[in-house]
N, C-alpha and C. Protein backbone atom coordinates (compact mmCIF):
# COMPACT_ATOMS: atom_id res chain seq x y z
N MET A 1 12.19 11.13 38.85
CA MET A 1 12.10 12.36 38.07
C MET A 1 10.87 13.16 38.47
N LYS A 2 10.94 14.47 38.28
CA LYS A 2 9.78 15.31 38.44
C LYS A 2 9.18 15.49 37.04
N VAL A 3 7.95 15.00 36.86
CA VAL A 3 7.35 14.94 35.53
C VAL A 3 6.08 15.77 35.48
N CYS A 4 5.95 16.56 34.42
CA CYS A 4 4.74 17.33 34.16
C CYS A 4 3.87 16.56 33.16
N VAL A 5 2.59 16.40 33.50
CA VAL A 5 1.62 15.81 32.57
C VAL A 5 0.65 16.92 32.18
N VAL A 6 0.49 17.14 30.88
CA VAL A 6 -0.42 18.18 30.39
C VAL A 6 -1.71 17.51 29.93
N GLY A 7 -2.79 17.72 30.67
CA GLY A 7 -4.08 17.15 30.31
C GLY A 7 -4.49 16.01 31.22
N ALA A 8 -5.75 16.06 31.69
CA ALA A 8 -6.26 15.01 32.59
C ALA A 8 -7.45 14.29 31.96
N GLY A 9 -7.32 14.04 30.64
CA GLY A 9 -8.29 13.20 29.95
C GLY A 9 -7.90 11.74 30.08
N PRO A 10 -8.45 10.85 29.25
CA PRO A 10 -8.14 9.42 29.35
C PRO A 10 -6.65 9.11 29.29
N CYS A 11 -5.90 9.72 28.37
CA CYS A 11 -4.46 9.46 28.25
C CYS A 11 -3.69 10.06 29.42
N GLY A 12 -4.07 11.28 29.81
CA GLY A 12 -3.39 11.93 30.92
C GLY A 12 -3.54 11.18 32.22
N LEU A 13 -4.75 10.67 32.48
CA LEU A 13 -5.00 9.97 33.74
C LEU A 13 -4.15 8.71 33.86
N THR A 14 -4.13 7.90 32.81
CA THR A 14 -3.34 6.67 32.91
C THR A 14 -1.85 6.96 32.91
N THR A 15 -1.43 8.07 32.28
CA THR A 15 -0.03 8.47 32.32
C THR A 15 0.38 8.84 33.74
N ILE A 16 -0.47 9.61 34.42
CA ILE A 16 -0.20 9.93 35.83
C ILE A 16 -0.07 8.66 36.64
N LYS A 17 -1.00 7.74 36.45
CA LYS A 17 -1.02 6.49 37.22
C LYS A 17 0.26 5.67 36.97
N GLN A 18 0.66 5.52 35.72
CA GLN A 18 1.84 4.71 35.42
C GLN A 18 3.11 5.37 35.95
N LEU A 19 3.21 6.69 35.84
CA LEU A 19 4.39 7.39 36.35
C LEU A 19 4.49 7.27 37.87
N LEU A 20 3.35 7.38 38.55
CA LEU A 20 3.36 7.21 40.00
C LEU A 20 3.78 5.80 40.39
N ASP A 21 3.30 4.80 39.62
CA ASP A 21 3.68 3.41 39.89
C ASP A 21 5.19 3.21 39.78
N GLU A 22 5.82 4.01 38.91
CA GLU A 22 7.27 3.90 38.72
C GLU A 22 8.06 4.75 39.71
N GLY A 23 7.33 5.47 40.58
CA GLY A 23 8.00 6.22 41.64
C GLY A 23 8.35 7.65 41.32
N HIS A 24 7.80 8.20 40.24
CA HIS A 24 8.10 9.58 39.86
C HIS A 24 7.25 10.57 40.65
N ASP A 25 7.72 11.81 40.72
CA ASP A 25 6.96 12.92 41.30
C ASP A 25 6.19 13.57 40.15
N VAL A 26 4.85 13.52 40.20
CA VAL A 26 4.03 13.92 39.06
C VAL A 26 3.16 15.13 39.40
N VAL A 27 3.15 16.10 38.49
CA VAL A 27 2.23 17.23 38.55
C VAL A 27 1.51 17.31 37.22
N CYS A 28 0.17 17.33 37.26
CA CYS A 28 -0.63 17.43 36.05
C CYS A 28 -1.33 18.79 36.02
N PHE A 29 -1.31 19.44 34.85
CA PHE A 29 -2.04 20.69 34.65
C PHE A 29 -3.19 20.44 33.67
N ASP A 30 -4.37 20.91 34.04
CA ASP A 30 -5.52 20.79 33.14
C ASP A 30 -6.36 22.05 33.26
N LYS A 31 -6.76 22.63 32.12
CA LYS A 31 -7.51 23.88 32.16
C LYS A 31 -8.97 23.68 32.52
N ASN A 32 -9.43 22.43 32.50
CA ASN A 32 -10.81 22.13 32.87
C ASN A 32 -10.98 22.11 34.39
N PRO A 33 -12.24 22.15 34.87
CA PRO A 33 -12.48 22.11 36.32
C PRO A 33 -12.50 20.70 36.90
N ASP A 34 -12.38 19.66 36.08
CA ASP A 34 -12.43 18.29 36.56
C ASP A 34 -11.74 17.39 35.54
N VAL A 35 -11.61 16.11 35.87
CA VAL A 35 -10.98 15.16 34.96
C VAL A 35 -11.92 14.85 33.80
N GLY A 36 -11.35 14.27 32.74
CA GLY A 36 -12.18 13.76 31.67
C GLY A 36 -11.88 14.30 30.29
N GLY A 37 -11.19 15.45 30.20
CA GLY A 37 -10.86 15.99 28.88
C GLY A 37 -12.10 16.26 28.05
N ILE A 38 -12.16 15.73 26.84
CA ILE A 38 -13.31 15.99 25.96
C ILE A 38 -14.59 15.36 26.47
N TRP A 39 -14.49 14.42 27.40
CA TRP A 39 -15.67 13.73 27.92
C TRP A 39 -16.36 14.55 29.02
N LEU A 40 -15.66 15.52 29.57
CA LEU A 40 -16.22 16.39 30.61
C LEU A 40 -17.00 17.52 29.96
N ARG A 41 -18.21 17.77 30.43
CA ARG A 41 -19.00 18.90 29.99
C ARG A 41 -19.21 19.84 31.17
N HIS A 42 -19.09 21.16 30.91
CA HIS A 42 -19.24 22.13 31.98
C HIS A 42 -19.64 23.47 31.39
N ASP A 43 -20.10 24.39 32.23
CA ASP A 43 -20.50 25.71 31.77
C ASP A 43 -19.33 26.42 31.10
N GLY A 44 -19.63 27.10 30.00
CA GLY A 44 -18.60 27.87 29.31
C GLY A 44 -17.70 27.05 28.41
N ASP A 45 -18.10 25.81 28.07
CA ASP A 45 -17.24 24.97 27.23
C ASP A 45 -17.65 24.99 25.76
N GLY A 46 -18.51 25.96 25.39
CA GLY A 46 -19.05 25.99 24.03
C GLY A 46 -18.02 26.14 22.93
N ASP A 47 -16.88 26.76 23.23
CA ASP A 47 -15.86 26.97 22.20
C ASP A 47 -14.73 25.95 22.30
N ARG A 48 -14.94 24.92 23.11
CA ARG A 48 -13.89 23.90 23.29
C ARG A 48 -14.29 22.59 22.64
N MET A 49 -13.28 21.82 22.29
CA MET A 49 -13.50 20.49 21.74
C MET A 49 -14.08 19.60 22.83
N LYS A 50 -15.31 19.11 22.62
CA LYS A 50 -15.97 18.25 23.59
C LYS A 50 -16.76 17.16 22.89
N ALA A 51 -16.94 16.04 23.56
CA ALA A 51 -17.80 14.98 23.03
C ALA A 51 -19.25 15.48 23.07
N TYR A 52 -20.02 15.14 22.05
CA TYR A 52 -21.38 15.67 21.96
C TYR A 52 -22.35 14.91 22.84
N ASP A 53 -23.54 15.49 23.00
CA ASP A 53 -24.52 15.02 23.99
C ASP A 53 -24.86 13.54 23.86
N HIS A 54 -25.18 13.11 22.64
CA HIS A 54 -25.72 11.75 22.46
C HIS A 54 -24.69 10.79 21.88
N LEU A 55 -23.42 11.01 22.21
CA LEU A 55 -22.36 10.14 21.72
C LEU A 55 -22.33 8.83 22.49
N PHE A 56 -22.13 7.74 21.76
CA PHE A 56 -21.91 6.43 22.37
C PHE A 56 -20.58 5.88 21.86
N LEU A 57 -19.86 5.20 22.70
CA LEU A 57 -18.61 4.58 22.29
C LEU A 57 -18.87 3.55 21.20
N THR A 58 -17.95 3.43 20.25
CA THR A 58 -18.06 2.40 19.23
C THR A 58 -17.25 1.16 19.61
N ILE A 59 -16.59 1.23 20.76
CA ILE A 59 -15.84 0.09 21.30
C ILE A 59 -16.46 -0.24 22.66
N SER A 60 -16.70 -1.50 22.92
CA SER A 60 -17.33 -1.86 24.19
C SER A 60 -16.36 -1.64 25.35
N MET A 61 -16.92 -1.52 26.55
CA MET A 61 -16.09 -1.30 27.73
C MET A 61 -15.18 -2.48 28.04
N LYS A 62 -15.45 -3.62 27.46
CA LYS A 62 -14.54 -4.76 27.62
C LYS A 62 -13.15 -4.41 27.09
N LEU A 63 -13.10 -3.58 26.03
CA LEU A 63 -11.83 -3.19 25.42
C LEU A 63 -11.46 -1.74 25.74
N MET A 64 -12.44 -0.91 26.07
CA MET A 64 -12.19 0.51 26.29
C MET A 64 -11.67 0.78 27.71
N ALA A 65 -11.89 -0.14 28.63
CA ALA A 65 -11.47 0.06 30.01
C ALA A 65 -9.96 -0.10 30.15
N TYR A 66 -9.40 0.55 31.17
CA TYR A 66 -7.98 0.39 31.48
C TYR A 66 -7.73 -1.02 32.02
N SER A 67 -6.55 -1.56 31.72
CA SER A 67 -6.23 -2.90 32.19
C SER A 67 -6.10 -2.97 33.71
N ASP A 68 -5.75 -1.84 34.34
CA ASP A 68 -5.64 -1.83 35.80
C ASP A 68 -6.93 -1.38 36.49
N PHE A 69 -8.00 -1.21 35.70
CA PHE A 69 -9.33 -0.88 36.25
C PHE A 69 -10.37 -1.47 35.30
N PRO A 70 -10.39 -2.83 35.19
CA PRO A 70 -11.21 -3.49 34.17
C PRO A 70 -12.71 -3.33 34.40
N PHE A 71 -13.43 -3.46 33.30
CA PHE A 71 -14.89 -3.41 33.33
C PHE A 71 -15.42 -4.81 33.58
N HIS A 72 -16.36 -4.93 34.51
CA HIS A 72 -16.96 -6.23 34.82
C HIS A 72 -18.43 -6.22 34.40
N GLY A 73 -18.88 -7.27 33.81
CA GLY A 73 -20.27 -7.35 33.39
C GLY A 73 -20.38 -7.66 31.92
N ASP A 74 -21.63 -7.57 31.42
CA ASP A 74 -21.89 -7.87 30.02
C ASP A 74 -21.28 -6.80 29.12
N ARG A 75 -21.17 -7.14 27.84
CA ARG A 75 -20.62 -6.21 26.86
C ARG A 75 -21.50 -4.97 26.78
N ARG A 76 -20.89 -3.78 27.01
CA ARG A 76 -21.64 -2.52 27.04
C ARG A 76 -20.93 -1.46 26.23
N PHE A 77 -21.72 -0.63 25.57
CA PHE A 77 -21.20 0.52 24.84
C PHE A 77 -21.65 1.76 25.60
N TYR A 78 -20.74 2.36 26.33
CA TYR A 78 -21.09 3.46 27.22
C TYR A 78 -21.48 4.74 26.46
N SER A 79 -22.36 5.51 27.08
CA SER A 79 -22.65 6.85 26.60
C SER A 79 -21.53 7.78 27.04
N ARG A 80 -21.55 9.01 26.53
CA ARG A 80 -20.55 9.99 26.94
C ARG A 80 -20.54 10.17 28.45
N ALA A 81 -21.71 10.33 29.05
CA ALA A 81 -21.80 10.56 30.49
C ALA A 81 -21.30 9.35 31.28
N GLU A 82 -21.64 8.15 30.82
CA GLU A 82 -21.20 6.93 31.52
C GLU A 82 -19.68 6.79 31.46
N TYR A 83 -19.10 7.10 30.30
CA TYR A 83 -17.65 6.97 30.19
C TYR A 83 -16.95 8.01 31.04
N HIS A 84 -17.51 9.20 31.12
CA HIS A 84 -16.93 10.22 32.00
C HIS A 84 -16.98 9.76 33.46
N ASP A 85 -18.08 9.14 33.85
CA ASP A 85 -18.19 8.61 35.22
C ASP A 85 -17.12 7.54 35.47
N TYR A 86 -16.85 6.72 34.45
CA TYR A 86 -15.80 5.70 34.58
C TYR A 86 -14.44 6.35 34.79
N LEU A 87 -14.14 7.42 34.03
CA LEU A 87 -12.86 8.11 34.18
C LEU A 87 -12.73 8.73 35.58
N LYS A 88 -13.81 9.29 36.09
CA LYS A 88 -13.79 9.86 37.44
C LYS A 88 -13.54 8.76 38.47
N ALA A 89 -14.19 7.61 38.29
CA ALA A 89 -14.00 6.50 39.21
C ALA A 89 -12.56 6.00 39.19
N TYR A 90 -11.95 5.98 38.00
CA TYR A 90 -10.55 5.58 37.86
C TYR A 90 -9.64 6.55 38.62
N ALA A 91 -9.87 7.84 38.44
CA ALA A 91 -9.07 8.84 39.13
C ALA A 91 -9.24 8.73 40.64
N ASP A 92 -10.47 8.50 41.10
CA ASP A 92 -10.73 8.37 42.53
C ASP A 92 -10.09 7.11 43.10
N ARG A 93 -10.17 6.02 42.34
CA ARG A 93 -9.63 4.73 42.82
C ARG A 93 -8.14 4.83 43.13
N PHE A 94 -7.40 5.59 42.34
CA PHE A 94 -5.95 5.66 42.51
C PHE A 94 -5.48 7.02 43.06
N GLY A 95 -6.41 7.85 43.50
CA GLY A 95 -6.04 9.13 44.12
C GLY A 95 -5.32 10.07 43.18
N LEU A 96 -5.69 10.06 41.89
CA LEU A 96 -4.97 10.86 40.91
C LEU A 96 -5.27 12.35 41.03
N GLY A 97 -6.46 12.68 41.57
CA GLY A 97 -6.84 14.07 41.70
C GLY A 97 -5.88 14.90 42.53
N GLU A 98 -5.20 14.24 43.45
CA GLU A 98 -4.24 14.94 44.31
C GLU A 98 -3.06 15.48 43.51
N ARG A 99 -2.84 14.92 42.32
CA ARG A 99 -1.70 15.34 41.49
C ARG A 99 -2.10 16.33 40.39
N ILE A 100 -3.40 16.65 40.31
CA ILE A 100 -3.89 17.48 39.21
C ILE A 100 -4.21 18.88 39.70
N ARG A 101 -3.72 19.88 38.98
CA ARG A 101 -4.04 21.27 39.26
C ARG A 101 -5.04 21.73 38.20
N PHE A 102 -6.31 21.76 38.59
CA PHE A 102 -7.37 22.12 37.66
C PHE A 102 -7.41 23.63 37.43
N GLY A 103 -8.04 24.03 36.33
CA GLY A 103 -8.11 25.45 35.99
C GLY A 103 -6.76 26.05 35.64
N SER A 104 -5.82 25.19 35.23
CA SER A 104 -4.45 25.62 34.93
C SER A 104 -4.13 25.34 33.46
N GLU A 105 -3.98 26.39 32.69
CA GLU A 105 -3.71 26.25 31.26
C GLU A 105 -2.22 26.38 30.97
N VAL A 106 -1.65 25.37 30.36
CA VAL A 106 -0.25 25.42 29.96
C VAL A 106 -0.14 26.29 28.71
N THR A 107 0.66 27.34 28.79
CA THR A 107 0.79 28.29 27.69
C THR A 107 2.10 28.14 26.93
N ASP A 108 3.09 27.48 27.54
CA ASP A 108 4.38 27.34 26.87
C ASP A 108 5.20 26.25 27.56
N VAL A 109 6.04 25.57 26.78
CA VAL A 109 6.99 24.60 27.31
C VAL A 109 8.33 24.86 26.61
N GLN A 110 9.37 25.12 27.40
CA GLN A 110 10.68 25.43 26.82
C GLN A 110 11.76 24.57 27.45
N ARG A 111 12.72 24.18 26.61
CA ARG A 111 13.89 23.45 27.09
C ARG A 111 14.91 24.48 27.58
N VAL A 112 15.28 24.38 28.84
CA VAL A 112 16.27 25.27 29.42
C VAL A 112 17.35 24.39 30.06
N SER A 113 18.52 24.37 29.44
CA SER A 113 19.61 23.51 29.89
C SER A 113 19.12 22.06 29.87
N ASP A 114 19.18 21.36 30.99
CA ASP A 114 18.77 19.95 31.01
C ASP A 114 17.38 19.76 31.60
N ARG A 115 16.58 20.83 31.67
CA ARG A 115 15.23 20.74 32.23
C ARG A 115 14.21 21.36 31.28
N TRP A 116 12.94 21.12 31.59
CA TRP A 116 11.83 21.71 30.85
C TRP A 116 11.14 22.72 31.75
N VAL A 117 10.95 23.93 31.26
CA VAL A 117 10.24 24.96 32.02
C VAL A 117 8.83 25.10 31.45
N VAL A 118 7.86 24.84 32.30
CA VAL A 118 6.45 24.87 31.88
C VAL A 118 5.80 26.15 32.39
N SER A 119 5.22 26.92 31.45
CA SER A 119 4.52 28.16 31.80
C SER A 119 3.03 27.86 31.92
N VAL A 120 2.42 28.35 33.00
CA VAL A 120 1.02 28.04 33.30
C VAL A 120 0.28 29.32 33.66
N ARG A 121 -0.97 29.44 33.17
CA ARG A 121 -1.84 30.55 33.57
C ARG A 121 -3.01 30.01 34.37
N ARG A 122 -3.16 30.54 35.59
CA ARG A 122 -4.27 30.13 36.46
C ARG A 122 -4.84 31.35 37.17
N ASP A 123 -6.17 31.53 37.04
CA ASP A 123 -6.83 32.69 37.65
C ASP A 123 -6.18 34.00 37.23
N GLY A 124 -5.74 34.06 35.96
CA GLY A 124 -5.14 35.28 35.45
C GLY A 124 -3.71 35.52 35.86
N ILE A 125 -3.14 34.58 36.60
CA ILE A 125 -1.77 34.71 37.08
C ILE A 125 -0.86 33.74 36.32
N ASN A 126 0.26 34.24 35.79
CA ASN A 126 1.22 33.41 35.07
C ASN A 126 2.34 32.96 35.99
N SER A 127 2.72 31.69 35.85
CA SER A 127 3.82 31.16 36.65
C SER A 127 4.63 30.19 35.80
N LYS A 128 5.84 29.87 36.27
CA LYS A 128 6.71 28.91 35.58
C LYS A 128 7.22 27.89 36.58
N GLU A 129 7.40 26.66 36.10
CA GLU A 129 7.88 25.59 36.99
C GLU A 129 8.78 24.64 36.19
N PRO A 130 9.93 24.27 36.75
CA PRO A 130 10.85 23.37 36.04
C PRO A 130 10.51 21.89 36.27
N PHE A 131 10.74 21.08 35.24
CA PHE A 131 10.50 19.64 35.31
C PHE A 131 11.63 18.90 34.60
N ASP A 132 11.79 17.62 34.95
CA ASP A 132 12.77 16.77 34.27
C ASP A 132 12.23 16.22 32.95
N ALA A 133 10.91 16.09 32.87
CA ALA A 133 10.28 15.54 31.67
C ALA A 133 8.85 16.07 31.57
N VAL A 134 8.31 16.06 30.35
CA VAL A 134 6.94 16.52 30.11
C VAL A 134 6.22 15.49 29.24
N ALA A 135 5.01 15.12 29.65
CA ALA A 135 4.15 14.24 28.84
C ALA A 135 2.96 15.07 28.38
N VAL A 136 2.84 15.28 27.07
CA VAL A 136 1.74 16.07 26.52
C VAL A 136 0.60 15.12 26.16
N CYS A 137 -0.51 15.24 26.89
CA CYS A 137 -1.65 14.33 26.73
C CYS A 137 -2.92 15.12 26.42
N THR A 138 -2.84 15.96 25.38
CA THR A 138 -3.95 16.85 25.06
C THR A 138 -4.82 16.34 23.92
N GLY A 139 -4.50 15.18 23.37
CA GLY A 139 -5.34 14.63 22.31
C GLY A 139 -4.93 15.11 20.93
N PRO A 140 -5.26 14.33 19.88
CA PRO A 140 -4.82 14.65 18.53
C PRO A 140 -5.75 15.57 17.74
N PHE A 141 -6.98 15.84 18.25
CA PHE A 141 -7.96 16.58 17.46
C PHE A 141 -8.33 17.91 18.10
N LYS A 142 -7.36 18.55 18.73
CA LYS A 142 -7.63 19.76 19.50
C LYS A 142 -7.99 20.96 18.65
N THR A 143 -7.38 21.10 17.47
CA THR A 143 -7.56 22.28 16.64
C THR A 143 -8.32 21.94 15.36
N PRO A 144 -9.52 22.53 15.17
CA PRO A 144 -10.29 22.26 13.95
C PRO A 144 -9.55 22.72 12.71
N ASN A 145 -9.68 21.96 11.62
CA ASN A 145 -9.08 22.33 10.34
C ASN A 145 -10.13 23.08 9.52
N ARG A 146 -9.94 24.38 9.35
CA ARG A 146 -10.88 25.19 8.59
C ARG A 146 -10.27 25.70 7.28
N LYS A 147 -9.12 25.15 6.90
CA LYS A 147 -8.43 25.62 5.69
C LYS A 147 -8.98 24.89 4.47
N ILE A 148 -10.18 25.29 4.07
CA ILE A 148 -10.84 24.69 2.91
C ILE A 148 -11.04 25.78 1.87
N ALA A 149 -10.55 25.56 0.67
CA ALA A 149 -10.63 26.57 -0.40
C ALA A 149 -12.08 26.96 -0.66
N GLY A 150 -12.36 28.27 -0.71
CA GLY A 150 -13.69 28.78 -0.99
C GLY A 150 -14.57 28.95 0.22
N LEU A 151 -14.14 28.44 1.36
CA LEU A 151 -14.95 28.53 2.57
C LEU A 151 -15.17 29.97 3.01
N GLU A 152 -14.20 30.83 2.68
CA GLU A 152 -14.31 32.24 3.09
C GLU A 152 -15.47 32.96 2.39
N ASN A 153 -15.97 32.39 1.30
CA ASN A 153 -17.08 33.02 0.57
C ASN A 153 -18.45 32.46 0.97
N PHE A 154 -18.46 31.47 1.83
CA PHE A 154 -19.73 30.87 2.27
C PHE A 154 -20.40 31.78 3.29
N THR A 155 -21.68 32.09 3.07
CA THR A 155 -22.37 33.06 3.93
C THR A 155 -23.20 32.42 5.03
N GLY A 156 -23.30 31.10 5.02
CA GLY A 156 -24.08 30.43 6.05
C GLY A 156 -23.25 30.17 7.31
N GLU A 157 -23.83 29.43 8.23
CA GLU A 157 -23.16 29.10 9.50
C GLU A 157 -22.22 27.91 9.29
N ILE A 158 -21.02 28.02 9.85
CA ILE A 158 -20.03 26.95 9.75
C ILE A 158 -19.75 26.41 11.15
N VAL A 159 -19.97 25.12 11.35
CA VAL A 159 -19.77 24.50 12.66
C VAL A 159 -18.86 23.29 12.48
N HIS A 160 -17.72 23.30 13.15
CA HIS A 160 -16.84 22.13 13.13
C HIS A 160 -17.36 21.09 14.11
N SER A 161 -17.08 19.84 13.85
CA SER A 161 -17.56 18.77 14.74
C SER A 161 -17.03 18.93 16.16
N ALA A 162 -15.89 19.63 16.31
CA ALA A 162 -15.35 19.90 17.65
C ALA A 162 -16.32 20.74 18.47
N GLU A 163 -17.15 21.55 17.79
CA GLU A 163 -18.08 22.45 18.47
C GLU A 163 -19.50 21.87 18.53
N TYR A 164 -19.71 20.72 17.91
CA TYR A 164 -21.05 20.13 17.85
C TYR A 164 -21.44 19.55 19.20
N ARG A 165 -22.65 19.90 19.65
CA ARG A 165 -23.17 19.38 20.92
C ARG A 165 -24.41 18.52 20.70
N ASN A 166 -25.34 19.02 19.89
CA ASN A 166 -26.54 18.29 19.55
C ASN A 166 -27.14 18.91 18.28
N SER A 167 -28.26 18.36 17.82
CA SER A 167 -28.83 18.77 16.53
C SER A 167 -29.75 19.98 16.63
N ASP A 168 -29.97 20.54 17.80
CA ASP A 168 -30.97 21.60 17.99
C ASP A 168 -30.77 22.78 17.04
N ARG A 169 -29.55 23.27 16.90
CA ARG A 169 -29.30 24.48 16.09
C ARG A 169 -29.48 24.25 14.60
N PHE A 170 -29.63 23.00 14.18
CA PHE A 170 -29.76 22.68 12.77
C PHE A 170 -31.20 22.35 12.35
N ARG A 171 -32.12 22.43 13.28
CA ARG A 171 -33.51 22.09 12.99
C ARG A 171 -34.07 22.98 11.86
N ASP A 172 -34.72 22.32 10.89
CA ASP A 172 -35.39 23.00 9.77
C ASP A 172 -34.42 23.80 8.88
N LYS A 173 -33.14 23.46 8.89
CA LYS A 173 -32.17 24.13 8.03
C LYS A 173 -31.68 23.17 6.95
N ARG A 174 -31.13 23.73 5.88
CA ARG A 174 -30.46 22.94 4.85
C ARG A 174 -29.00 22.79 5.28
N VAL A 175 -28.56 21.56 5.45
CA VAL A 175 -27.24 21.31 6.06
C VAL A 175 -26.39 20.42 5.16
N LEU A 176 -25.13 20.80 5.01
CA LEU A 176 -24.14 19.97 4.33
C LEU A 176 -23.17 19.43 5.37
N ILE A 177 -23.02 18.13 5.42
CA ILE A 177 -22.05 17.49 6.32
C ILE A 177 -20.87 17.04 5.48
N VAL A 178 -19.66 17.44 5.86
CA VAL A 178 -18.46 17.08 5.10
C VAL A 178 -17.66 16.03 5.88
N GLY A 179 -17.54 14.84 5.31
CA GLY A 179 -16.73 13.79 5.94
C GLY A 179 -17.57 12.70 6.57
N LEU A 180 -17.05 11.47 6.49
CA LEU A 180 -17.79 10.32 7.02
C LEU A 180 -16.89 9.46 7.91
N ALA A 181 -16.10 10.13 8.73
CA ALA A 181 -15.35 9.39 9.75
C ALA A 181 -16.28 9.19 10.96
N GLU A 182 -15.71 8.90 12.12
CA GLU A 182 -16.53 8.59 13.30
C GLU A 182 -17.55 9.68 13.61
N SER A 183 -17.08 10.93 13.73
CA SER A 183 -18.00 12.00 14.09
C SER A 183 -18.99 12.29 12.97
N GLY A 184 -18.51 12.28 11.72
CA GLY A 184 -19.40 12.54 10.59
C GLY A 184 -20.54 11.54 10.51
N ALA A 185 -20.26 10.27 10.74
CA ALA A 185 -21.29 9.23 10.69
C ALA A 185 -22.35 9.44 11.76
N ASP A 186 -21.92 9.84 12.95
CA ASP A 186 -22.86 10.12 14.03
C ASP A 186 -23.69 11.37 13.73
N ILE A 187 -23.00 12.43 13.34
CA ILE A 187 -23.65 13.74 13.20
C ILE A 187 -24.64 13.75 12.04
N VAL A 188 -24.32 13.10 10.92
CA VAL A 188 -25.25 13.08 9.80
C VAL A 188 -26.53 12.35 10.18
N ARG A 189 -26.40 11.35 11.00
CA ARG A 189 -27.59 10.60 11.47
C ARG A 189 -28.45 11.47 12.38
N GLN A 190 -27.82 12.25 13.27
CA GLN A 190 -28.58 13.07 14.21
C GLN A 190 -29.21 14.27 13.52
N ILE A 191 -28.45 14.97 12.67
CA ILE A 191 -28.97 16.15 12.00
C ILE A 191 -29.98 15.76 10.94
N GLY A 192 -29.78 14.62 10.30
CA GLY A 192 -30.71 14.16 9.27
C GLY A 192 -32.13 14.00 9.78
N ASP A 193 -32.29 13.77 11.06
CA ASP A 193 -33.63 13.61 11.65
C ASP A 193 -34.37 14.93 11.81
N VAL A 194 -33.64 16.07 11.85
CA VAL A 194 -34.29 17.35 12.17
C VAL A 194 -34.14 18.41 11.08
N ALA A 195 -33.19 18.26 10.17
CA ALA A 195 -32.96 19.28 9.13
C ALA A 195 -34.02 19.20 8.05
N SER A 196 -34.25 20.33 7.36
CA SER A 196 -35.19 20.32 6.23
C SER A 196 -34.57 19.56 5.06
N ALA A 197 -33.24 19.61 4.95
CA ALA A 197 -32.50 18.82 3.96
C ALA A 197 -31.10 18.60 4.50
N CYS A 198 -30.59 17.40 4.33
CA CYS A 198 -29.25 17.07 4.85
C CYS A 198 -28.49 16.32 3.77
N THR A 199 -27.35 16.88 3.36
CA THR A 199 -26.53 16.29 2.31
C THR A 199 -25.18 15.91 2.89
N LEU A 200 -24.69 14.74 2.51
CA LEU A 200 -23.39 14.27 2.98
C LEU A 200 -22.40 14.29 1.83
N ALA A 201 -21.25 14.95 2.03
CA ALA A 201 -20.19 14.99 1.03
C ALA A 201 -18.99 14.19 1.53
N ILE A 202 -18.56 13.19 0.74
CA ILE A 202 -17.39 12.40 1.13
C ILE A 202 -16.39 12.38 -0.02
N ARG A 203 -15.12 12.20 0.33
CA ARG A 203 -14.04 12.34 -0.62
C ARG A 203 -13.92 11.14 -1.56
N SER A 204 -14.32 9.97 -1.12
CA SER A 204 -14.13 8.77 -1.93
C SER A 204 -15.39 7.91 -1.90
N TYR A 205 -15.36 6.83 -2.67
CA TYR A 205 -16.51 5.92 -2.68
C TYR A 205 -16.56 5.08 -1.41
């Protein structure tokens, strides 16, 4: 089959690899300039969902590594930069870059008869290409949820964790952090060190 993979982050890379192992013809589109998805940092990514500067994995590389590219050595919790280097090494090891068209944003996917037509914008030019199947590997947290009642009346700065890079912009400010999942736990710790006051709001005990 001719298969389109959307996204060259951790899921996209291994999807390309597994499809190639099965003998499929694979084309991957990614709007970034390199592999890595949210783990890749580059100029002009301020409005995109990205892993923040001082992020460390909460799962060791013994479990975070791909089974076909295992991690060797002592138990390690990689930084954002280290994990991105691992993803690049994985792509290089299996020649996945040859299948990826960087700087290509998928704008639409439509079912036409028995095929999928994928619309792509690259360098301001729109094009369409037919495929037998499409694997969407863009991640589950791409769009921030800002639908919070009363938020429209708040006059201060609102920053979603998707846009968080480091604590610099919060220095000496009064900050409210909403939520205590993975990102909230990290961010409250980092901002709490530099803010004039930092309050954490969580939904349950």
